[in-house]
Amino acid sequence: MAKLGNPRKSRRLWWIAGAIAVLSIAASFGTPKVGCAGSAEDEPAASVETVSSLLEELDHTPLAPDGASLVRLYPIRPATFCTTAGKVTPVGTEALNVDTGGMRGVLAGDSSRSVELAFVFRGESKGAAPLANGELRQQIGVKLRAKDTCNIVYVMWHVAPVPGVAVSVKYNPGLATHVDCADRGYINLKPTSDVAMPEVRLDEPHTLRADLAGDTLRVHADGMEVWSGKLPPQAFAFDGPVGVRSDNGEFDFQLRVPGGGDREAQCKNPGTEQAH
C-alpha cells in the first residue's frame, strides 16, 4: 500500500501556494511589475521632448486660394546653414539653437521661393543687441532673396515689445556690407488686412512661412494667413538665398525649404553682418 504524505508538510505547501495566489492577484491590481519590458507599469515618467520632435509636431501645410495645398517643405541639414553674424548650435540632426543678441544666416546653395521657420522661444538671449534706433526688440524671421546685408526681403515675427508680423525690403543698390549701408534703405510694407497674431509664449512651438509667387508674397503664422500683398519693384533688383534673422532672444528652430535644400552644399564666406 502506498504511504500517505506527511500531513504537516502538505498543509505548509497549501499555505505557500495560497500566499503566492494572493500576491499574484494583488499584482494584477496595480502592484508594480518588475522586469516586464514595455509594460505601462514599469515605464519611467515621460521625458522632456527633444527640440526636433517638438518642432516636427508643427506640420502645417496651408491651403492656397484655390484650396490646393502649398508645396510641402522639409528641414534642412544644419551644416548647410551659414551664419554671417552671431552663432548657432546644432540640436539633433534637424534643428539649431541661437542664444545671441543678433544672429544672421543664409542657406547654402539655395534659390527657394518658399521657406518655413519652425521655432520655440526660450526667453531672453545671453547678450543684448539694440537696433540702430535703440529699440531692444525680440524677434525671429526669414530672409528672402538675400543677396547681402544691404539687399534683402525680411519677414519678421516680433515677439516683444509689440507682437506682430512685419514685412520689409532693404534696398541699397551698389552696396553690400554693413559699413556701406548700416540701417538705411528699408521699405516697410503695410499688410493687406489686420489679423490677430498667435501669442508667442515660452517653450511653445510656432511656424512662420513665406511663399513668393511672382511679385505676390503670402505669409502664414501657425498655418493661418496673416499677410499678403505685392512686393515693390526694388525687391526684384537683387536675388539670393533664403535665411534666418533673430534678435535678443533664445530660440530653437528648424529652417524648411522644398526638398530640404541641397544637403551637400558647402558654406562659403558671404561676408559679415551686424544687428541693426
Foldseek 3Di string as FASTA:
>chain_A
DDDDDDPVVVVVVVVVVVVVVVVVVVVVVQDADPPDPPDPRPDDDDDDDFPVVQLVVLQAFAADPVRHTDFGWDFAFVQQKAKQDADWADGPGGKIKGQEQKTKTFGFPAAFQKKKKKKAFAWFHPYHDAAPVRHRWWKKWKWFQPLAQQFIWTWIATQDDDGDIWTWTRFDPPDHACVGAPPPRIDTDDFPDADDADHRDHGHMKMWMWGQDPQKIWIDISRHTGGIDGDDPRNVVGGDGMIMITGGTMMMMTMIGRPNHDNPGHDDNRHHHDHD
